[in-house]
Amino acid sequence: DHPLGVDPTTGRDLLARVLVGARISLLVAA
């Protein structure tokens, strides 16, 4: 269910956070 693991304090899915973070990084950079 969590291929890249979870946040060690809240349990939030790391894969989902990395992908959403990619949106922000690519949008700002482009």
PDB file of all heavy atoms in Angstrom:
ATOM      1  N   ASP A   1       0.818  -1.223   0.000  1.00  0.00           N
ATOM      2  CA  ASP A   1       0.000   0.000   0.000  1.00  0.00           C
ATOM      3  C   ASP A   1       0.848   1.267   0.000  1.00  0.00           C
ATOM      4  O   ASP A   1       0.381   2.323  -0.446  1.00  0.00           O
ATOM      5  CB  ASP A   1      -0.922   0.014   1.230  1.00  0.00           C
ATOM      6  CG  ASP A   1      -1.959  -1.092   1.184  1.00  0.00           C
ATOM      7  OD1 ASP A   1      -2.372  -1.460   0.060  1.00  0.00           O
ATOM      8  OD2 ASP A   1      -2.341  -1.599   2.263  1.00  0.00           O
ATOM      9  N   HIS A   2       2.071   1.161   0.502  1.00  0.00           N
ATOM     10  CA  HIS A   2       2.968   2.325   0.579  1.00  0.00           C
ATOM     11  C   HIS A   2       4.342   1.913   0.040  1.00  0.00           C
ATOM     12  O   HIS A   2       5.248   1.592   0.827  1.00  0.00           O
ATOM     13  CB  HIS A   2       3.069   2.822   2.018  1.00  0.00           C
ATOM     14  CG  HIS A   2       1.740   3.083   2.670  1.00  0.00           C
ATOM     15  ND1 HIS A   2       0.970   4.193   2.379  1.00  0.00           N
ATOM     16  CD2 HIS A   2       1.038   2.353   3.580  1.00  0.00           C
ATOM     17  CE1 HIS A   2      -0.140   4.155   3.097  1.00  0.00           C
ATOM     18  NE2 HIS A   2      -0.125   3.044   3.823  1.00  0.00           N
ATOM     19  N   PRO A   3       4.528   1.914  -1.274  1.00  0.00           N
ATOM     20  CA  PRO A   3       5.760   1.375  -1.888  1.00  0.00           C
ATOM     21  C   PRO A   3       7.042   2.062  -1.440  1.00  0.00           C
ATOM     22  O   PRO A   3       8.103   1.438  -1.425  1.00  0.00           O
ATOM     23  CB  PRO A   3       5.521   1.563  -3.391  1.00  0.00           C
ATOM     24  CG  PRO A   3       4.039   1.701  -3.541  1.00  0.00           C
ATOM     25  CD  PRO A   3       3.564   2.351  -2.291  1.00  0.00           C
ATOM     26  N   LEU A   4       6.971   3.356  -1.115  1.00  0.00           N
ATOM     27  CA  LEU A   4       8.168   4.077  -0.675  1.00  0.00           C
ATOM     28  C   LEU A   4       8.169   4.341   0.823  1.00  0.00           C
ATOM     29  O   LEU A   4       9.041   5.057   1.320  1.00  0.00           O
ATOM     30  CB  LEU A   4       8.293   5.413  -1.438  1.00  0.00           C
ATOM     31  CG  LEU A   4       8.554   5.312  -2.942  1.00  0.00           C
ATOM     32  CD1 LEU A   4       8.720   6.700  -3.543  1.00  0.00           C
ATOM     33  CD2 LEU A   4       9.788   4.470  -3.235  1.00  0.00           C
ATOM     34  N   GLY A   5       7.212   3.769   1.531  1.00  0.00           N
ATOM     35  CA  GLY A   5       7.147   3.968   2.965  1.00  0.00           C
ATOM     36  C   GLY A   5       6.251   5.136   3.334  1.00  0.00           C
ATOM     37  O   GLY A   5       5.523   5.689   2.507  1.00  0.00           O
ATOM     38  N   VAL A   6       6.320   5.517   4.617  1.00  0.00           N
ATOM     39  CA  VAL A   6       5.462   6.579   5.133  1.00  0.00           C
ATOM     40  C   VAL A   6       6.281   7.558   5.962  1.00  0.00           C
ATOM     41  O   VAL A   6       7.399   7.267   6.387  1.00  0.00           O
ATOM     42  CB  VAL A   6       4.310   5.993   5.999  1.00  0.00           C
ATOM     43  CG1 VAL A   6       3.394   5.133   5.160  1.00  0.00           C
ATOM     44  CG2 VAL A   6       4.872   5.207   7.185  1.00  0.00           C
ATOM     45  N   ASP A   7       5.697   8.710   6.183  1.00  0.00           N
ATOM     46  CA  ASP A   7       6.268   9.731   7.050  1.00  0.00           C
ATOM     47  C   ASP A   7       6.399   9.149   8.467  1.00  0.00           C
ATOM     48  O   ASP A   7       5.447   8.597   9.000  1.00  0.00           O
ATOM     49  CB  ASP A   7       5.325  10.945   7.050  1.00  0.00           C
ATOM     50  CG  ASP A   7       5.882  12.113   7.848  1.00  0.00           C
ATOM     51  OD1 ASP A   7       6.469  11.885   8.916  1.00  0.00           O
ATOM     52  OD2 ASP A   7       5.710  13.260   7.396  1.00  0.00           O
ATOM     53  N   PRO A   8       7.592   9.244   9.089  1.00  0.00           N
ATOM     54  CA  PRO A   8       7.804   8.589  10.389  1.00  0.00           C
ATOM     55  C   PRO A   8       7.044   9.220  11.546  1.00  0.00           C
ATOM     56  O   PRO A   8       7.031   8.643  12.639  1.00  0.00           O
ATOM     57  CB  PRO A   8       9.319   8.709  10.599  1.00  0.00           C
ATOM     58  CG  PRO A   8       9.725   9.869   9.775  1.00  0.00           C
ATOM     59  CD  PRO A   8       8.831   9.861   8.587  1.00  0.00           C
ATOM     60  N   THR A   9       6.445  10.382  11.358  1.00  0.00           N
ATOM     61  CA  THR A   9       5.715  11.010  12.467  1.00  0.00           C
ATOM     62  C   THR A   9       4.203  11.020  12.251  1.00  0.00           C
ATOM     63  O   THR A   9       3.438  10.997  13.219  1.00  0.00           O
ATOM     64  CB  THR A   9       6.193  12.455  12.677  1.00  0.00           C
ATOM     65  OG1 THR A   9       6.029  13.192  11.450  1.00  0.00           O
ATOM     66  CG2 THR A   9       7.653  12.479  13.089  1.00  0.00           C
ATOM     67  N   THR A  10       3.766  11.043  10.985  1.00  0.00           N
ATOM     68  CA  THR A  10       2.330  11.154  10.700  1.00  0.00           C
ATOM     69  C   THR A  10       1.780   9.964   9.914  1.00  0.00           C
ATOM     70  O   THR A  10       0.571   9.801   9.834  1.00  0.00           O
ATOM     71  CB  THR A  10       2.036  12.435   9.911  1.00  0.00           C
ATOM     72  OG1 THR A  10       2.713  12.385   8.646  1.00  0.00           O
ATOM     73  CG2 THR A  10       2.496  13.667  10.683  1.00  0.00           C
ATOM     74  N   GLY A  11       2.662   9.174   9.304  1.00  0.00           N
ATOM     75  CA  GLY A  11       2.196   8.045   8.517  1.00  0.00           C
ATOM     76  C   GLY A  11       1.692   8.414   7.135  1.00  0.00           C
ATOM     77  O   GLY A  11       1.049   7.591   6.469  1.00  0.00           O
ATOM     78  N   ARG A  12       1.968   9.634   6.666  1.00  0.00           N
ATOM     79  CA  ARG A  12       1.532  10.034   5.327  1.00  0.00           C
ATOM     80  C   ARG A  12       2.365   9.302   4.269  1.00  0.00           C
ATOM     81  O   ARG A  12       3.569   9.106   4.440  1.00  0.00           O
ATOM     82  CB  ARG A  12       1.646  11.550   5.151  1.00  0.00           C
ATOM     83  CG  ARG A  12       0.659  12.322   6.017  1.00  0.00           C
ATOM     84  CD  ARG A  12       0.865  13.825   5.939  1.00  0.00           C
ATOM     85  NE  ARG A  12       2.146  14.225   6.506  1.00  0.00           N
ATOM     86  CZ  ARG A  12       2.507  15.492   6.719  1.00  0.00           C
ATOM     87  NH1 ARG A  12       1.666  16.471   6.423  1.00  0.00           N
ATOM     88  NH2 ARG A  12       3.686  15.781   7.234  1.00  0.00           N
ATOM     89  N   ASP A  13       1.725   8.947   3.167  1.00  0.00           N
ATOM     90  CA  ASP A  13       2.368   8.154   2.122  1.00  0.00           C
ATOM     91  C   ASP A  13       3.458   8.968   1.419  1.00  0.00           C
ATOM     92  O   ASP A  13       3.194  10.060   0.897  1.00  0.00           O
ATOM     93  CB  ASP A  13       1.318   7.694   1.111  1.00  0.00           C
ATOM     94  CG  ASP A  13       1.910   6.784   0.055  1.00  0.00           C
ATOM     95  OD1 ASP A  13       2.152   5.607   0.363  1.00  0.00           O
ATOM     96  OD2 ASP A  13       2.140   7.256  -1.076  1.00  0.00           O
ATOM     97  N   LEU A  14       4.679   8.436   1.376  1.00  0.00           N
ATOM     98  CA  LEU A  14       5.796   9.173   0.787  1.00  0.00           C
ATOM     99  C   LEU A  14       5.694   9.259  -0.730  1.00  0.00           C
ATOM    100  O   LEU A  14       6.043  10.283  -1.317  1.00  0.00           O
ATOM    101  CB  LEU A  14       7.124   8.506   1.175  1.00  0.00           C
ATOM    102  CG  LEU A  14       7.645   8.756   2.588  1.00  0.00           C
ATOM    103  CD1 LEU A  14       9.047   8.193   2.732  1.00  0.00           C
ATOM    104  CD2 LEU A  14       7.638  10.232   2.901  1.00  0.00           C
ATOM    105  N   LEU A  15       5.245   8.198  -1.389  1.00  0.00           N
ATOM    106  CA  LEU A  15       5.129   8.233  -2.846  1.00  0.00           C
ATOM    107  C   LEU A  15       4.161   9.321  -3.280  1.00  0.00           C
ATOM    108  O   LEU A  15       4.454  10.083  -4.213  1.00  0.00           O
ATOM    109  CB  LEU A  15       4.663   6.876  -3.369  1.00  0.00           C
ATOM    110  CG  LEU A  15       4.440   6.784  -4.890  1.00  0.00           C
ATOM    111  CD1 LEU A  15       5.717   7.109  -5.641  1.00  0.00           C
ATOM    112  CD2 LEU A  15       3.925   5.399  -5.265  1.00  0.00           C
ATOM    113  N   ALA A  16       3.027   9.421  -2.612  1.00  0.00           N
ATOM    114  CA  ALA A  16       2.057  10.457  -2.956  1.00  0.00           C
ATOM    115  C   ALA A  16       2.644  11.843  -2.733  1.00  0.00           C
ATOM    116  O   ALA A  16       2.452  12.758  -3.545  1.00  0.00           O
ATOM    117  CB  ALA A  16       0.784  10.277  -2.127  1.00  0.00           C
ATOM    118  N   ARG A  17       3.380  12.019  -1.661  1.00  0.00           N
ATOM    119  CA  ARG A  17       3.963  13.335  -1.353  1.00  0.00           C
ATOM    120  C   ARG A  17       5.073  13.692  -2.346  1.00  0.00           C
ATOM    121  O   ARG A  17       5.222  14.846  -2.731  1.00  0.00           O
ATOM    122  CB  ARG A  17       4.485  13.353   0.083  1.00  0.00           C
ATOM    123  CG  ARG A  17       3.359  13.248   1.110  1.00  0.00           C
ATOM    124  CD  ARG A  17       3.878  13.264   2.536  1.00  0.00           C
ATOM    125  NE  ARG A  17       4.543  14.521   2.879  1.00  0.00           N
ATOM    126  CZ  ARG A  17       3.888  15.633   3.190  1.00  0.00           C
ATOM    127  NH1 ARG A  17       2.571  15.655   3.186  1.00  0.00           N
ATOM    128  NH2 ARG A  17       4.552  16.720   3.515  1.00  0.00           N
ATOM    129  N   VAL A  18       5.853  12.703  -2.759  1.00  0.00           N
ATOM    130  CA  VAL A  18       6.902  12.965  -3.748  1.00  0.00           C
ATOM    131  C   VAL A  18       6.295  13.375  -5.092  1.00  0.00           C
ATOM    132  O   VAL A  18       6.781  14.301  -5.755  1.00  0.00           O
ATOM    133  CB  VAL A  18       7.804  11.727  -3.913  1.00  0.00           C
ATOM    134  CG1 VAL A  18       8.667  11.847  -5.155  1.00  0.00           C
ATOM    135  CG2 VAL A  18       8.696  11.556  -2.688  1.00  0.00           C
ATOM    136  N   LEU A  19       5.222  12.708  -5.499  1.00  0.00           N
ATOM    137  CA  LEU A  19       4.601  13.021  -6.782  1.00  0.00           C
ATOM    138  C   LEU A  19       3.947  14.405  -6.768  1.00  0.00           C
ATOM    139  O   LEU A  19       4.060  15.164  -7.739  1.00  0.00           O
ATOM    140  CB  LEU A  19       3.571  11.951  -7.144  1.00  0.00           C
ATOM    141  CG  LEU A  19       4.142  10.562  -7.451  1.00  0.00           C
ATOM    142  CD1 LEU A  19       3.022   9.576  -7.756  1.00  0.00           C
ATOM    143  CD2 LEU A  19       5.124  10.618  -8.612  1.00  0.00           C
ATOM    144  N   VAL A  20       3.262  14.741  -5.685  1.00  0.00           N
ATOM    145  CA  VAL A  20       2.671  16.077  -5.591  1.00  0.00           C
ATOM    146  C   VAL A  20       3.770  17.131  -5.488  1.00  0.00           C
ATOM    147  O   VAL A  20       3.665  18.214  -6.068  1.00  0.00           O
ATOM    148  CB  VAL A  20       1.709  16.160  -4.390  1.00  0.00           C
ATOM    149  CG1 VAL A  20       1.186  17.579  -4.218  1.00  0.00           C
ATOM    150  CG2 VAL A  20       0.542  15.198  -4.582  1.00  0.00           C
ATOM    151  N   GLY A  21       4.842  16.810  -4.764  1.00  0.00           N
ATOM    152  CA  GLY A  21       5.974  17.724  -4.701  1.00  0.00           C
ATOM    153  C   GLY A  21       6.617  17.944  -6.057  1.00  0.00           C
ATOM    154  O   GLY A  21       7.113  19.034  -6.357  1.00  0.00           O
ATOM    155  N   ALA A  22       6.613  16.899  -6.901  1.00  0.00           N
ATOM    156  CA  ALA A  22       7.151  17.037  -8.254  1.00  0.00           C
ATOM    157  C   ALA A  22       6.345  18.042  -9.052  1.00  0.00           C
ATOM    158  O   ALA A  22       6.893  18.814  -9.847  1.00  0.00           O
ATOM    159  CB  ALA A  22       7.149  15.676  -8.952  1.00  0.00           C
ATOM    160  N   ARG A  23       5.027  18.037  -8.871  1.00  0.00           N
ATOM    161  CA  ARG A  23       4.188  19.024  -9.557  1.00  0.00           C
ATOM    162  C   ARG A  23       4.628  20.443  -9.223  1.00  0.00           C
ATOM    163  O   ARG A  23       4.795  21.288 -10.107  1.00  0.00           O
ATOM    164  CB  ARG A  23       2.718  18.849  -9.150  1.00  0.00           C
ATOM    165  CG  ARG A  23       1.986  17.686  -9.788  1.00  0.00           C
ATOM    166  CD  ARG A  23       0.531  17.707  -9.349  1.00  0.00           C
ATOM    167  NE  ARG A  23      -0.250  16.667 -10.006  1.00  0.00           N
ATOM    168  CZ  ARG A  23      -1.553  16.485  -9.799  1.00  0.00           C
ATOM    169  NH1 ARG A  23      -2.183  17.277  -8.951  1.00  0.00           N
ATOM    170  NH2 ARG A  23      -2.199  15.534 -10.435  1.00  0.00           N
ATOM    171  N   ILE A  24       4.810  20.688  -7.932  1.00  0.00           N
ATOM    172  CA  ILE A  24       5.171  22.038  -7.491  1.00  0.00           C
ATOM    173  C   ILE A  24       6.556  22.421  -8.003  1.00  0.00           C
ATOM    174  O   ILE A  24       6.765  23.519  -8.530  1.00  0.00           O
ATOM    175  CB  ILE A  24       5.106  22.118  -5.957  1.00  0.00           C
ATOM    176  CG1 ILE A  24       3.660  21.905  -5.488  1.00  0.00           C
ATOM    177  CG2 ILE A  24       5.647  23.447  -5.459  1.00  0.00           C
ATOM    178  CD1 ILE A  24       3.505  21.829  -3.988  1.00  0.00           C
ATOM    179  N   SER A  25       7.525  21.513  -7.859  1.00  0.00           N
ATOM    180  CA  SER A  25       8.890  21.819  -8.290  1.00  0.00           C
ATOM    181  C   SER A  25       8.962  22.078  -9.790  1.00  0.00           C
ATOM    182  O   SER A  25       9.596  23.043 -10.237  1.00  0.00           O
ATOM    183  CB  SER A  25       9.827  20.669  -7.911  1.00  0.00           C
ATOM    184  OG  SER A  25       9.977  20.576  -6.509  1.00  0.00           O
ATOM    185  N   LEU A  26       8.328  21.214 -10.584  1.00  0.00           N
ATOM    186  CA  LEU A  26       8.360  21.383 -12.033  1.00  0.00           C
ATOM    187  C   LEU A  26       7.602  22.630 -12.467  1.00  0.00           C
ATOM    188  O   LEU A  26       8.025  23.331 -13.393  1.00  0.00           O
ATOM    189  CB  LEU A  26       7.787  20.146 -12.714  1.00  0.00           C
ATOM    190  CG  LEU A  26       8.608  18.864 -12.567  1.00  0.00           C
ATOM    191  CD1 LEU A  26       7.868  17.678 -13.184  1.00  0.00           C
ATOM    192  CD2 LEU A  26       9.977  19.015 -13.223  1.00  0.00           C
ATOM    193  N   LEU A  27       6.474  22.918 -11.810  1.00  0.00           N
ATOM    194  CA  LEU A  27       5.710  24.118 -12.159  1.00  0.00           C
ATOM    195  C   LEU A  27       6.513  25.375 -11.878  1.00  0.00           C
ATOM    196  O   LEU A  27       6.621  26.264 -12.740  1.00  0.00           O
ATOM    197  CB  LEU A  27       4.399  24.139 -11.364  1.00  0.00           C
ATOM    198  CG  LEU A  27       3.564  25.427 -11.479  1.00  0.00           C
ATOM    199  CD1 LEU A  27       3.114  25.646 -12.912  1.00  0.00           C
ATOM    200  CD2 LEU A  27       2.370  25.390 -10.531  1.00  0.00           C
ATOM    201  N   VAL A  28       7.078  25.468 -10.688  1.00  0.00           N
ATOM    202  CA  VAL A  28       7.857  26.656 -10.324  1.00  0.00           C
ATOM    203  C   VAL A  28       9.077  26.790 -11.234  1.00  0.00           C
ATOM    204  O   VAL A  28       9.364  27.883 -11.755  1.00  0.00           O
ATOM    205  CB  VAL A  28       8.281  26.592  -8.847  1.00  0.00           C
ATOM    206  CG1 VAL A  28       9.264  27.719  -8.519  1.00  0.00           C
ATOM    207  CG2 VAL A  28       7.065  26.682  -7.933  1.00  0.00           C
ATOM    208  N   ALA A  29       9.803  25.691 -11.453  1.00  0.00           N
ATOM    209  CA  ALA A  29      11.014  25.749 -12.277  1.00  0.00           C
ATOM    210  C   ALA A  29      10.697  26.111 -13.721  1.00  0.00           C
ATOM    211  O   ALA A  29      11.381  26.951 -14.325  1.00  0.00           O
ATOM    212  CB  ALA A  29      11.743  24.406 -12.220  1.00  0.00           C
ATOM    213  N   ALA A  30       9.656  25.501 -14.301  1.00  0.00           N
ATOM    214  CA  ALA A  30       9.320  25.776 -15.695  1.00  0.00           C
ATOM    215  C   ALA A  30       8.811  27.202 -15.878  1.00  0.00           C
ATOM    216  O   ALA A  30       9.217  27.905 -16.814  1.00  0.00           O
ATOM    217  CB  ALA A  30       8.277  24.775 -16.187  1.00  0.00           C
TER     218      ALA A  30
END
